[in-house]
N, C-alpha and C. Protein backbone atom coordinates (compact mmCIF):
# COMPACT_ATOMS: atom_id res chain seq x y z
N MET A 1 -13.94 -5.15 5.43
CA MET A 1 -12.84 -4.56 4.68
C MET A 1 -13.20 -3.11 4.35
N ASN A 2 -12.23 -2.26 4.52
CA ASN A 2 -12.40 -0.84 4.26
C ASN A 2 -12.34 -0.60 2.74
N PRO A 3 -13.40 -0.07 2.13
CA PRO A 3 -13.41 0.12 0.68
C PRO A 3 -12.40 1.15 0.19
N VAL A 4 -12.06 2.12 1.00
CA VAL A 4 -11.06 3.11 0.59
C VAL A 4 -9.69 2.44 0.50
N ILE A 5 -9.35 1.63 1.50
CA ILE A 5 -8.05 0.95 1.47
C ILE A 5 -8.01 -0.03 0.30
N GLN A 6 -9.12 -0.73 0.06
CA GLN A 6 -9.15 -1.64 -1.09
C GLN A 6 -8.98 -0.87 -2.39
N ALA A 7 -9.60 0.30 -2.52
CA ALA A 7 -9.45 1.12 -3.73
C ALA A 7 -8.00 1.57 -3.89
N VAL A 8 -7.32 1.86 -2.78
CA VAL A 8 -5.90 2.23 -2.84
C VAL A 8 -5.08 1.08 -3.40
N VAL A 9 -5.30 -0.13 -2.88
CA VAL A 9 -4.55 -1.30 -3.36
C VAL A 9 -4.84 -1.53 -4.84
N ASP A 10 -6.11 -1.52 -5.22
CA ASP A 10 -6.49 -1.72 -6.62
C ASP A 10 -5.82 -0.68 -7.52
N SER A 11 -5.84 0.58 -7.09
CA SER A 11 -5.23 1.67 -7.87
C SER A 11 -3.73 1.49 -7.98
N ALA A 12 -3.09 1.15 -6.88
CA ALA A 12 -1.63 0.99 -6.88
C ALA A 12 -1.21 -0.15 -7.80
N VAL A 13 -1.91 -1.28 -7.72
CA VAL A 13 -1.58 -2.41 -8.60
C VAL A 13 -1.78 -2.02 -10.06
N GLY A 14 -2.91 -1.41 -10.37
CA GLY A 14 -3.19 -1.02 -11.75
C GLY A 14 -2.25 0.04 -12.29
N ALA A 15 -1.97 1.04 -11.49
CA ALA A 15 -1.15 2.16 -11.96
C ALA A 15 0.32 1.80 -12.12
N THR A 16 0.80 0.82 -11.37
CA THR A 16 2.22 0.46 -11.45
C THR A 16 2.45 -0.80 -12.26
N ALA A 17 1.38 -1.44 -12.74
CA ALA A 17 1.47 -2.70 -13.49
C ALA A 17 2.05 -3.83 -12.64
N ALA A 18 1.74 -3.80 -11.34
CA ALA A 18 2.15 -4.89 -10.46
C ALA A 18 1.19 -6.06 -10.65
N SER A 19 1.61 -7.26 -10.25
CA SER A 19 0.69 -8.40 -10.35
C SER A 19 -0.12 -8.57 -9.07
N ALA A 20 0.38 -8.05 -7.96
CA ALA A 20 -0.32 -8.19 -6.69
C ALA A 20 0.13 -7.09 -5.74
N GLY A 21 -0.69 -6.86 -4.71
CA GLY A 21 -0.33 -5.86 -3.70
C GLY A 21 -1.25 -5.97 -2.50
N TRP A 22 -0.85 -5.33 -1.41
CA TRP A 22 -1.63 -5.36 -0.18
C TRP A 22 -1.26 -4.18 0.69
N VAL A 23 -2.17 -3.83 1.57
CA VAL A 23 -1.91 -2.84 2.62
C VAL A 23 -1.94 -3.61 3.93
N MET A 24 -0.93 -3.33 4.75
CA MET A 24 -0.84 -3.95 6.07
C MET A 24 -0.87 -2.85 7.12
N ALA A 25 -1.65 -3.07 8.17
CA ALA A 25 -1.75 -2.12 9.28
C ALA A 25 -0.81 -2.58 10.39
N LEU A 26 -0.06 -1.64 10.95
CA LEU A 26 0.82 -1.94 12.07
C LEU A 26 -0.03 -1.98 13.33
N ARG A 27 -0.05 -3.14 13.97
CA ARG A 27 -0.83 -3.34 15.19
C ARG A 27 0.09 -3.93 16.24
N GLY A 28 0.67 -3.05 17.04
CA GLY A 28 1.64 -3.50 18.04
C GLY A 28 2.87 -4.05 17.36
N GLU A 29 3.18 -5.30 17.64
CA GLU A 29 4.35 -5.96 17.07
C GLU A 29 4.01 -6.79 15.84
N ARG A 30 2.83 -6.57 15.25
CA ARG A 30 2.38 -7.35 14.10
C ARG A 30 1.98 -6.42 12.96
N LEU A 31 2.06 -6.92 11.75
CA LEU A 31 1.53 -6.26 10.56
C LEU A 31 0.37 -7.12 10.07
N ALA A 32 -0.83 -6.54 10.03
CA ALA A 32 -2.03 -7.27 9.62
C ALA A 32 -2.46 -6.84 8.24
N VAL A 33 -2.69 -7.79 7.35
CA VAL A 33 -3.15 -7.50 5.99
C VAL A 33 -4.62 -7.09 6.08
N VAL A 34 -4.91 -5.85 5.62
CA VAL A 34 -6.28 -5.33 5.69
C VAL A 34 -6.94 -5.22 4.31
N ALA A 35 -6.17 -5.28 3.25
CA ALA A 35 -6.71 -5.26 1.88
C ALA A 35 -5.66 -5.84 0.95
N ALA A 36 -6.12 -6.53 -0.10
CA ALA A 36 -5.18 -7.15 -1.04
C ALA A 36 -5.80 -7.27 -2.42
N PHE A 37 -4.92 -7.36 -3.41
CA PHE A 37 -5.34 -7.61 -4.79
C PHE A 37 -4.36 -8.63 -5.37
N GLY A 38 -4.88 -9.70 -5.96
CA GLY A 38 -4.02 -10.67 -6.61
C GLY A 38 -3.26 -11.57 -5.66
N ALA A 39 -3.64 -11.61 -4.41
CA ALA A 39 -2.94 -12.42 -3.41
C ALA A 39 -3.97 -13.14 -2.56
N GLY A 40 -4.86 -13.83 -3.22
CA GLY A 40 -6.03 -14.46 -2.62
C GLY A 40 -5.90 -14.99 -1.20
N GLY A 41 -6.87 -14.63 -0.41
CA GLY A 41 -7.02 -15.19 0.92
C GLY A 41 -6.12 -14.69 2.02
N ILE A 42 -5.37 -13.62 1.80
CA ILE A 42 -4.46 -13.19 2.87
C ILE A 42 -5.04 -12.10 3.76
N VAL A 43 -6.15 -11.49 3.36
CA VAL A 43 -6.74 -10.45 4.20
C VAL A 43 -7.11 -11.08 5.54
N GLY A 44 -6.67 -10.41 6.60
CA GLY A 44 -6.92 -10.90 7.95
C GLY A 44 -5.75 -11.62 8.57
N THR A 45 -4.77 -12.01 7.76
CA THR A 45 -3.59 -12.67 8.32
C THR A 45 -2.61 -11.61 8.82
N ASP A 46 -1.72 -12.02 9.70
CA ASP A 46 -0.70 -11.08 10.16
C ASP A 46 0.65 -11.78 10.29
N VAL A 47 1.68 -10.96 10.30
CA VAL A 47 3.06 -11.44 10.41
C VAL A 47 3.79 -10.54 11.39
N PRO A 48 4.91 -11.01 11.94
CA PRO A 48 5.69 -10.14 12.83
C PRO A 48 6.12 -8.86 12.12
N ALA A 49 6.05 -7.75 12.82
CA ALA A 49 6.31 -6.43 12.23
C ALA A 49 7.74 -6.24 11.76
N GLY A 50 8.66 -7.03 12.23
CA GLY A 50 10.05 -6.85 11.82
C GLY A 50 10.50 -7.75 10.70
N GLU A 51 9.59 -8.52 10.10
CA GLU A 51 9.98 -9.48 9.07
C GLU A 51 9.70 -9.00 7.66
N GLY A 52 10.52 -9.46 6.75
CA GLY A 52 10.31 -9.22 5.33
C GLY A 52 10.52 -7.78 4.92
N THR A 53 10.22 -7.53 3.66
CA THR A 53 10.37 -6.17 3.13
C THR A 53 9.41 -5.21 3.82
N ALA A 54 8.18 -5.66 4.06
CA ALA A 54 7.20 -4.80 4.73
C ALA A 54 7.67 -4.47 6.14
N GLY A 55 8.24 -5.44 6.83
CA GLY A 55 8.76 -5.20 8.18
C GLY A 55 9.90 -4.20 8.17
N PHE A 56 10.78 -4.30 7.16
CA PHE A 56 11.88 -3.34 7.05
C PHE A 56 11.33 -1.93 6.86
N VAL A 57 10.37 -1.79 5.96
CA VAL A 57 9.79 -0.47 5.68
C VAL A 57 9.04 0.05 6.90
N ALA A 58 8.30 -0.82 7.59
CA ALA A 58 7.55 -0.40 8.78
C ALA A 58 8.48 0.09 9.88
N THR A 59 9.62 -0.56 10.05
CA THR A 59 10.53 -0.16 11.12
C THR A 59 11.43 1.01 10.73
N SER A 60 11.80 1.09 9.45
CA SER A 60 12.70 2.17 9.01
C SER A 60 11.95 3.43 8.60
N GLY A 61 10.71 3.26 8.13
CA GLY A 61 9.95 4.40 7.62
C GLY A 61 10.38 4.83 6.23
N GLN A 62 11.27 4.06 5.60
CA GLN A 62 11.79 4.40 4.28
C GLN A 62 11.19 3.51 3.21
N PRO A 63 10.82 4.07 2.05
CA PRO A 63 10.32 3.24 0.96
C PRO A 63 11.43 2.34 0.41
N MET A 64 11.02 1.26 -0.22
CA MET A 64 11.98 0.33 -0.80
C MET A 64 11.46 -0.15 -2.14
N ALA A 65 12.30 -0.07 -3.16
CA ALA A 65 12.01 -0.65 -4.47
C ALA A 65 13.23 -1.45 -4.86
N MET A 66 13.02 -2.73 -5.20
CA MET A 66 14.18 -3.56 -5.49
C MET A 66 13.84 -4.70 -6.43
N ALA A 67 14.85 -5.15 -7.13
CA ALA A 67 14.75 -6.39 -7.88
C ALA A 67 15.13 -7.49 -6.91
N ALA A 68 14.40 -8.58 -6.95
CA ALA A 68 14.66 -9.69 -6.03
C ALA A 68 16.02 -10.30 -6.32
N ARG A 69 16.72 -10.65 -5.24
CA ARG A 69 18.02 -11.31 -5.38
C ARG A 69 17.98 -12.64 -4.63
N GLU A 70 18.52 -13.65 -5.25
CA GLU A 70 18.60 -14.98 -4.65
C GLU A 70 19.30 -14.88 -3.29
N GLY A 71 18.71 -15.52 -2.30
CA GLY A 71 19.32 -15.55 -0.97
C GLY A 71 18.94 -14.39 -0.07
N ASP A 72 18.18 -13.41 -0.55
CA ASP A 72 17.77 -12.29 0.30
C ASP A 72 16.72 -12.80 1.28
N ALA A 73 17.06 -12.81 2.57
CA ALA A 73 16.18 -13.37 3.60
C ALA A 73 14.82 -12.67 3.65
N ARG A 74 14.78 -11.40 3.28
CA ARG A 74 13.50 -10.67 3.32
C ARG A 74 12.45 -11.29 2.40
N LEU A 75 12.89 -12.04 1.40
CA LEU A 75 11.97 -12.64 0.44
C LEU A 75 11.32 -13.93 0.96
N SER A 76 11.85 -14.48 2.03
CA SER A 76 11.25 -15.70 2.57
C SER A 76 10.54 -15.43 3.89
N GLU A 77 10.42 -14.16 4.26
CA GLU A 77 9.77 -13.77 5.50
C GLU A 77 8.52 -12.95 5.19
N GLY A 78 7.77 -12.65 6.24
CA GLY A 78 6.60 -11.78 6.12
C GLY A 78 5.57 -12.37 5.18
N VAL A 79 4.83 -11.49 4.52
CA VAL A 79 3.76 -11.92 3.62
C VAL A 79 4.32 -12.71 2.44
N LEU A 80 5.47 -12.32 1.93
CA LEU A 80 6.06 -13.05 0.81
C LEU A 80 6.31 -14.51 1.19
N GLY A 81 6.84 -14.73 2.39
CA GLY A 81 7.05 -16.09 2.87
C GLY A 81 5.74 -16.82 3.10
N LEU A 82 4.78 -16.12 3.67
CA LEU A 82 3.46 -16.71 3.95
C LEU A 82 2.80 -17.19 2.66
N LEU A 83 2.90 -16.39 1.62
CA LEU A 83 2.30 -16.74 0.33
C LEU A 83 3.20 -17.64 -0.52
N GLU A 84 4.42 -17.85 -0.05
CA GLU A 84 5.42 -18.59 -0.81
C GLU A 84 5.67 -17.96 -2.17
N LEU A 85 5.64 -16.64 -2.19
CA LEU A 85 5.92 -15.88 -3.41
C LEU A 85 7.42 -15.69 -3.56
N ARG A 86 7.89 -15.74 -4.76
CA ARG A 86 9.27 -15.39 -5.07
C ARG A 86 9.22 -14.34 -6.17
N PRO A 87 8.90 -13.09 -5.79
CA PRO A 87 8.71 -12.04 -6.79
C PRO A 87 10.02 -11.65 -7.47
N SER A 88 9.89 -11.10 -8.66
CA SER A 88 11.06 -10.61 -9.37
C SER A 88 11.35 -9.15 -9.00
N SER A 89 10.32 -8.43 -8.57
CA SER A 89 10.51 -7.05 -8.14
C SER A 89 9.52 -6.73 -7.02
N ILE A 90 9.94 -5.81 -6.14
CA ILE A 90 9.15 -5.46 -4.97
C ILE A 90 9.19 -3.95 -4.79
N LEU A 91 8.05 -3.39 -4.41
CA LEU A 91 7.95 -1.98 -4.03
C LEU A 91 7.15 -1.93 -2.74
N CYS A 92 7.70 -1.30 -1.73
CA CYS A 92 7.00 -1.20 -0.45
C CYS A 92 7.21 0.21 0.08
N VAL A 93 6.12 0.87 0.47
CA VAL A 93 6.18 2.23 1.00
C VAL A 93 5.41 2.31 2.31
N PRO A 94 5.84 3.20 3.21
CA PRO A 94 5.13 3.34 4.48
C PRO A 94 3.83 4.14 4.33
N CYS A 95 2.86 3.79 5.15
CA CYS A 95 1.63 4.58 5.31
C CYS A 95 1.85 5.37 6.60
N THR A 96 2.03 6.69 6.48
CA THR A 96 2.36 7.49 7.64
C THR A 96 1.28 8.50 7.98
N ALA A 97 1.10 8.68 9.29
CA ALA A 97 0.18 9.68 9.82
C ALA A 97 0.89 10.39 10.96
N ALA A 98 0.93 11.71 10.89
CA ALA A 98 1.61 12.52 11.91
C ALA A 98 3.04 12.01 12.14
N ASP A 99 3.76 11.77 11.04
CA ASP A 99 5.15 11.32 11.07
C ASP A 99 5.36 9.97 11.76
N THR A 100 4.30 9.17 11.86
CA THR A 100 4.40 7.85 12.46
C THR A 100 3.93 6.81 11.44
N VAL A 101 4.72 5.76 11.26
CA VAL A 101 4.32 4.68 10.36
C VAL A 101 3.21 3.89 11.02
N ILE A 102 2.06 3.79 10.31
CA ILE A 102 0.94 3.02 10.85
C ILE A 102 0.59 1.84 9.95
N GLY A 103 1.34 1.68 8.86
CA GLY A 103 1.11 0.57 7.95
C GLY A 103 2.05 0.65 6.77
N VAL A 104 1.88 -0.27 5.83
CA VAL A 104 2.69 -0.27 4.61
C VAL A 104 1.82 -0.68 3.42
N LEU A 105 2.21 -0.21 2.26
CA LEU A 105 1.63 -0.63 0.99
C LEU A 105 2.74 -1.37 0.26
N GLU A 106 2.50 -2.63 -0.07
CA GLU A 106 3.52 -3.45 -0.74
C GLU A 106 2.98 -3.96 -2.07
N LEU A 107 3.80 -3.86 -3.11
CA LEU A 107 3.45 -4.30 -4.46
C LEU A 107 4.54 -5.23 -4.96
N VAL A 108 4.15 -6.23 -5.76
CA VAL A 108 5.15 -7.18 -6.26
C VAL A 108 4.97 -7.43 -7.75
N ASP A 109 6.07 -7.82 -8.37
CA ASP A 109 6.12 -8.27 -9.76
C ASP A 109 5.56 -7.29 -10.78
N LYS A 110 6.30 -6.21 -10.99
CA LYS A 110 5.93 -5.25 -12.03
C LYS A 110 6.02 -5.95 -13.39
N ALA A 111 4.99 -5.79 -14.19
CA ALA A 111 4.89 -6.51 -15.47
C ALA A 111 6.08 -6.29 -16.39
N ASP A 112 6.60 -5.08 -16.44
CA ASP A 112 7.69 -4.80 -17.38
C ASP A 112 9.04 -4.65 -16.70
N GLY A 113 9.25 -5.33 -15.59
CA GLY A 113 10.58 -5.31 -14.97
C GLY A 113 10.58 -4.81 -13.55
N THR A 114 11.35 -3.75 -13.31
CA THR A 114 11.50 -3.23 -11.95
C THR A 114 10.70 -1.95 -11.76
N PHE A 115 10.35 -1.69 -10.53
CA PHE A 115 9.61 -0.48 -10.19
C PHE A 115 10.52 0.73 -10.34
N THR A 116 9.93 1.84 -10.80
CA THR A 116 10.68 3.06 -11.06
C THR A 116 10.48 4.08 -9.92
N PHE A 117 11.22 5.16 -10.01
CA PHE A 117 11.05 6.25 -9.05
C PHE A 117 9.63 6.81 -9.14
N ASP A 118 9.08 6.90 -10.34
CA ASP A 118 7.70 7.37 -10.50
C ASP A 118 6.72 6.43 -9.79
N ASP A 119 6.99 5.13 -9.85
CA ASP A 119 6.15 4.16 -9.13
C ASP A 119 6.22 4.40 -7.62
N VAL A 120 7.42 4.68 -7.13
CA VAL A 120 7.59 4.96 -5.69
C VAL A 120 6.80 6.20 -5.30
N GLU A 121 6.89 7.25 -6.11
CA GLU A 121 6.14 8.48 -5.81
C GLU A 121 4.63 8.24 -5.81
N LEU A 122 4.13 7.55 -6.83
CA LEU A 122 2.70 7.29 -6.91
C LEU A 122 2.25 6.40 -5.74
N ALA A 123 3.00 5.35 -5.46
CA ALA A 123 2.65 4.47 -4.34
C ALA A 123 2.67 5.23 -3.02
N SER A 124 3.60 6.15 -2.87
CA SER A 124 3.68 6.95 -1.64
C SER A 124 2.46 7.85 -1.49
N LEU A 125 2.00 8.44 -2.59
CA LEU A 125 0.79 9.25 -2.54
C LEU A 125 -0.42 8.40 -2.16
N LEU A 126 -0.52 7.23 -2.75
CA LEU A 126 -1.64 6.33 -2.44
C LEU A 126 -1.54 5.83 -1.00
N ALA A 127 -0.33 5.60 -0.52
CA ALA A 127 -0.14 5.17 0.87
C ALA A 127 -0.61 6.25 1.84
N GLY A 128 -0.48 7.52 1.45
CA GLY A 128 -1.00 8.61 2.28
C GLY A 128 -2.51 8.54 2.43
N ILE A 129 -3.19 8.17 1.35
CA ILE A 129 -4.65 8.00 1.41
C ILE A 129 -4.98 6.80 2.29
N ALA A 130 -4.23 5.71 2.12
CA ALA A 130 -4.45 4.53 2.96
C ALA A 130 -4.25 4.87 4.43
N ALA A 131 -3.27 5.71 4.73
CA ALA A 131 -3.01 6.09 6.13
C ALA A 131 -4.20 6.80 6.74
N VAL A 132 -4.84 7.68 5.96
CA VAL A 132 -6.03 8.37 6.46
C VAL A 132 -7.12 7.35 6.79
N ALA A 133 -7.31 6.38 5.91
CA ALA A 133 -8.34 5.35 6.14
C ALA A 133 -7.95 4.44 7.30
N LEU A 134 -6.66 4.11 7.44
CA LEU A 134 -6.21 3.29 8.56
C LEU A 134 -6.45 4.01 9.88
N GLU A 135 -6.18 5.30 9.89
CA GLU A 135 -6.43 6.10 11.10
C GLU A 135 -7.91 6.10 11.45
N ALA A 136 -8.75 6.24 10.44
CA ALA A 136 -10.19 6.24 10.68
C ALA A 136 -10.62 4.91 11.27
N ASP A 137 -10.06 3.82 10.76
CA ASP A 137 -10.38 2.50 11.30
C ASP A 137 -9.92 2.38 12.75
N GLU A 138 -8.73 2.90 13.05
CA GLU A 138 -8.20 2.86 14.42
C GLU A 138 -9.07 3.65 15.37
N ASP A 139 -9.57 4.77 14.89
CA ASP A 139 -10.38 5.64 15.73
C ASP A 139 -11.83 5.19 15.79
N ASP A 140 -12.14 4.07 15.08
CA ASP A 140 -13.50 3.56 15.04
C ASP A 140 -14.47 4.57 14.44
N VAL A 141 -13.96 5.37 13.52
CA VAL A 141 -14.77 6.37 12.83
C VAL A 141 -15.31 5.73 11.56
N ALA A 142 -16.47 6.12 11.13
CA ALA A 142 -17.05 5.57 9.91
C ALA A 142 -16.14 5.82 8.72
N VAL A 143 -16.13 4.89 7.79
CA VAL A 143 -15.35 5.04 6.57
C VAL A 143 -15.88 6.24 5.80
N ARG A 144 -14.97 6.99 5.23
CA ARG A 144 -15.37 8.16 4.47
C ARG A 144 -16.15 7.76 3.23
N SER A 145 -17.12 8.58 2.90
CA SER A 145 -17.89 8.35 1.68
C SER A 145 -17.02 8.74 0.48
N PRO A 146 -17.40 8.30 -0.72
CA PRO A 146 -16.66 8.72 -1.91
C PRO A 146 -16.59 10.24 -2.04
N GLU A 147 -17.66 10.92 -1.65
CA GLU A 147 -17.67 12.38 -1.73
C GLU A 147 -16.64 12.99 -0.77
N GLU A 148 -16.58 12.44 0.46
CA GLU A 148 -15.61 12.94 1.44
C GLU A 148 -14.19 12.64 0.98
N LEU A 149 -13.97 11.45 0.40
CA LEU A 149 -12.65 11.11 -0.12
C LEU A 149 -12.28 12.07 -1.25
N GLY A 150 -13.22 12.35 -2.14
CA GLY A 150 -12.95 13.31 -3.22
C GLY A 150 -12.59 14.68 -2.69
N ALA A 151 -13.28 15.14 -1.66
CA ALA A 151 -12.98 16.44 -1.05
C ALA A 151 -11.57 16.44 -0.45
N GLU A 152 -11.20 15.34 0.21
CA GLU A 152 -9.86 15.24 0.80
C GLU A 152 -8.79 15.25 -0.30
N LEU A 153 -9.04 14.54 -1.39
CA LEU A 153 -8.08 14.54 -2.50
C LEU A 153 -7.94 15.93 -3.11
N ARG A 154 -9.05 16.65 -3.23
CA ARG A 154 -8.97 18.02 -3.77
C ARG A 154 -8.16 18.91 -2.84
N ARG A 155 -8.30 18.71 -1.51
CA ARG A 155 -7.51 19.48 -0.55
C ARG A 155 -6.02 19.14 -0.70
N LEU A 156 -5.71 17.85 -0.83
CA LEU A 156 -4.32 17.42 -0.97
C LEU A 156 -3.74 17.87 -2.31
N GLU A 157 -4.60 17.99 -3.32
CA GLU A 157 -4.14 18.44 -4.64
C GLU A 157 -3.53 19.84 -4.56
N ALA A 158 -4.01 20.66 -3.62
CA ALA A 158 -3.45 22.01 -3.45
C ALA A 158 -2.01 21.94 -2.97
N VAL A 159 -1.66 20.86 -2.25
CA VAL A 159 -0.30 20.69 -1.75
C VAL A 159 0.63 20.18 -2.85
N ASP A 160 0.16 19.21 -3.63
CA ASP A 160 0.96 18.60 -4.69
C ASP A 160 0.07 18.38 -5.91
N PRO A 161 -0.16 19.45 -6.69
CA PRO A 161 -1.15 19.37 -7.78
C PRO A 161 -0.96 18.21 -8.74
N ALA A 162 0.22 18.00 -9.25
CA ALA A 162 0.41 16.95 -10.24
C ALA A 162 0.21 15.57 -9.65
N GLY A 163 0.78 15.32 -8.51
CA GLY A 163 0.70 14.00 -7.89
C GLY A 163 -0.70 13.63 -7.48
N TYR A 164 -1.38 14.51 -6.76
CA TYR A 164 -2.70 14.16 -6.27
C TYR A 164 -3.76 14.22 -7.35
N ALA A 165 -3.55 14.99 -8.41
CA ALA A 165 -4.51 14.99 -9.52
C ALA A 165 -4.53 13.61 -10.15
N GLN A 166 -3.35 12.99 -10.31
CA GLN A 166 -3.27 11.65 -10.88
C GLN A 166 -3.95 10.64 -9.95
N VAL A 167 -3.71 10.76 -8.65
CA VAL A 167 -4.34 9.86 -7.68
C VAL A 167 -5.86 10.03 -7.72
N ALA A 168 -6.32 11.26 -7.76
CA ALA A 168 -7.76 11.53 -7.79
C ALA A 168 -8.40 10.88 -9.02
N MET A 169 -7.74 10.98 -10.16
CA MET A 169 -8.28 10.37 -11.38
C MET A 169 -8.37 8.85 -11.23
N LEU A 170 -7.35 8.23 -10.65
CA LEU A 170 -7.37 6.78 -10.45
C LEU A 170 -8.50 6.36 -9.53
N VAL A 171 -8.64 7.06 -8.40
CA VAL A 171 -9.70 6.71 -7.44
C VAL A 171 -11.07 6.94 -8.06
N GLU A 172 -11.25 8.04 -8.78
CA GLU A 172 -12.55 8.30 -9.43
C GLU A 172 -12.87 7.21 -10.44
N ALA A 173 -11.87 6.73 -11.18
CA ALA A 173 -12.11 5.66 -12.16
C ALA A 173 -12.54 4.38 -11.47
N ILE A 174 -11.93 4.07 -10.34
CA ILE A 174 -12.31 2.86 -9.59
C ILE A 174 -13.71 3.01 -9.02
N LEU A 175 -14.00 4.17 -8.46
CA LEU A 175 -15.34 4.40 -7.88
C LEU A 175 -16.41 4.34 -8.96
N ALA A 176 -16.08 4.80 -10.17
CA ALA A 176 -17.04 4.77 -11.27
C ALA A 176 -17.38 3.35 -11.70
N ARG A 177 -16.41 2.43 -11.53
CA ARG A 177 -16.63 1.04 -11.87
C ARG A 177 -17.57 0.36 -10.89
N GLY A 178 -17.75 0.98 -9.71
CA GLY A 178 -18.67 0.42 -8.71
C GLY A 178 -17.98 -0.48 -7.85
C-alpha cells in the first residue's frame, strides 16, 4: 500500500468528517481500491469502472456530492454495493493527471449531514496529491519520501496558497503521528 495515498484517504476522511473513504485507481475497465479508511478489507478489490458513484465520476471526470436517495442504482453498485453500504451522503472526486482521470477519491457518511462545496474543494486538492502518487505507482517509481511530498505541496501552494496550505497542514499532522 502506498503511504502517500493512505495519508490522502486518512486526511480526507478526517477533514470532511466522513465515516469512511477510499481511493480507487483506474486500471483499464476496472477501478481497484488502493487505500481505504473505515471500510475494512476492501483494499485490493476492484469493480467495473462504469458502476456506482465512483464509476460515474471516473467516466465523467466531474466531482459529485449528494445525499443518498432511495432507489438510486448507483448506491447498489461499485464499492458501495460490494460493501453493502447504504450511505446517507456521498462525495466522490476524480484523481486527474495531465487532464486524464486515473482514479477517484470517494467519501461517505458525513457526520453532520451532507458534504459541502468546501468539502468538494478540499477533497479535490487531496485527490490531486493522490493522482501524483498513483502516477508514481503506474510508472513503477519509488514512493515519494515525506520530504519530497512536502516540497511538492510547497510548490503547489504557490498555485493555490489557501487550499494547499490547508492540505499541507493536514498531511504534516498525519506524518507527525507516524
